[in-house]
Amino acid sequence: MSLTAALNIGRTGLIAGQIGIQVAGNNMANAATPGYSRQRVGLAPIQGDRSNPGVSIGRGVQVTDIRRQVDTALQSRLWDSNSNEGSSQAQANILSQVESVLGELGDNDLSSSMTAFFRTWSERANQTKSSAVVVQQGDALAQFMRRVRSDLVDQRRQIDDQIGGGISRANELLSTIANANRSVAEAEVSGAVANSLRDQRDIAISELSTLMNVTVVDQGQQGVDVLVGSTPVVLGGQSRGLQLKRETIDGSVRVSVATITDGSELTVRSGFVGGLLSGRPAVIESTIDSLDRLAGQLIFEVNKIHSTSATPKRLTSAFSERGFSATQRTLALNDPANTATASLPFAAKHGSIEIVVRETASNATRTIRIAIDQDGVTAAGLPGTADDTSAEDIVAALAAIPGLTAQFTPDGKLDIRAQQGFDFAFSDDTSGALALLGINSYFSGDSAANIGIRSEIANDPTRLGTGQFKDGVYIENAGSLALSNLKDKAIAGLDSRSVSTFWQDTVTKIGSVASSTKSAAEAASVVRESLEAQQAAMSGVSIDEESINLLNFQRQYQASARLISVVDELTQTLLSLI
């Protein structure tokens, strides 16, 4: 080997040592930098000269590359873990907020309010409470239901805002990833690896994975493709963008995420956004639906009893709470095309209404029965509602009773009045038509959104029906007793559960899901921390290890410099001999 070759070997050693010192120094400088991946210098011997047969001497060392220490499989698992933790945390937060709104662990809750409502009816039956107190307690229950529903709707709106914020941030991250792809491609044209740019891209992907489930496909110098489910959202240097879509389906607003470019809907299963998207219908919408269902059945069942309840003074007039247009009043109450009744959470059934009409001068009474046909079968024996009872049929039947008049008001409500010298009371209703129409009702509305006390009773509590007519005899507390017993009555519309049991089951389910979701969030956090520790062991900077590397490269540099010095001395000796 010539002195020139030896000099070149020293030169390669100097270069390798210098680069090694720079990389070790850069690693130590970024030991606390979030998202930084430790870099490693790739060294390889330069192939020896084989010009002399049987002799092969190396020509020094070369730097092959400077690469990040990254385990792509571990990194992918960590991104999945981020998504799972984000989803669990989002759902746990939703459930916690719902539990706070319901407040069932305290004294100021819906269960306590319903108990107080039915207890007041029992006390009214025992004549220890006045009708005014019963009305006040019913109004308090209605207000409580409306407030709880309003709070849940506000929470749903907040979730929608959070989803929108998450989508906005995801769009920023997608743009960052697409820009990083372009920058990486430009920087690596010469064959060098743009480690810092790749780190920045991975940081953006990591944050994106906390928002939604992502799959990353590395295309090398062309960048990475990012998919949510099976739909690409980043293709090389192009971000397809995300948007929040709202659709109203059967009166409910459905929220989803789609791409801006072509509107493809994404399957966001996890991450913060995914947790909100799944928690919105599974928790918020479900709780609102349960509350509305409870309120609707409570309204209907209370009104069924109160519609056949009376005061000693009986009635001289009665209006329906529900109005019918000219078209609706001619359609059967159970006709799906009758929009006045089809959307209600309760319905009339095949039965009859009994009304007691009294001539006040003689005190003579007559009980008239009005058949309510709701069997869904025509006179020809075929399925259909053409021959079933409509609101107009009921008005006609009432108007035909001596001593009564019945008609529709301009706004489509039933107006029933006693003629001079007469009064009336409803004694029985096996069809529930009176409660459906809202005649002589206690509650108004059909859900937790609009439940309230009927205005006539709210303005004049003496109109509260507390008694009932049984075989023509007025029993002063029969209505109150029936309403107080409603608390434990199995209701078909609540899957044969009482109002209290139905709500307790709803709250218990929410509590159970909240507990399991919290445990899942804690478990996901542990998994994420474990994977982060593994990633830190693989990609994190160890000051001790880098100090050793620094010493090794320092010795390599010093040895190469010494080699060059020796070669220089030998060269000078050789030149002095010439």
Foldseek 3Di string as FASTA:
>chain_A
DDLVLLLQQLVQLQVLLVVLLVLLVVQVVCQPPPLFFRKDWAKDWAWFDCPDPPDGDTSHMHTPAIDGLFDVVLLLVLLLLLFLLLLLVLLLVLLVVLCVLQVPVDCPHLLNLVLVLLVQLVCVLVVNDDLLVNQVSLQVNLVSLQSSLVSLVVVLVVLVVVLQVLQVLLQVLLQLQLVLLVVLLVVCPVPHGPSVSVSSNSVSSSVNSQAFPWDWAQPDSLGIWIAQPNHTQHDRNDGQGKDWDWDQDPNDIQIFMAGPNPRHTGDGCTHNSNSSNVSSCVPSVVVQVLQFLLLQVLQLVLFQLQQQFFAPVFAFKKKFLFFADPVLQLFALCDCVNVSRNPFLDGWAWDWWWKWKAQQVVRDIDIDIGGFFDPQADPVRHGHRNPGDGNVNVQVVLCPDPQKHWDADPRGMIMIGGDPRMHMGIAHDPGSVCSSRRISGQWDDRTSNHTRGPPVCNVPSSRGGQWHADPNDIDRHPSSVVSSVQQAAQDVSLVRGGSSVSVVVVSVVSVVVSVVSVVSSVVSVVVSVVSVVVRCVRTRRDSVVSVVSSVVSVVSSVVSVVSSVVSVVVVVVVVVVD
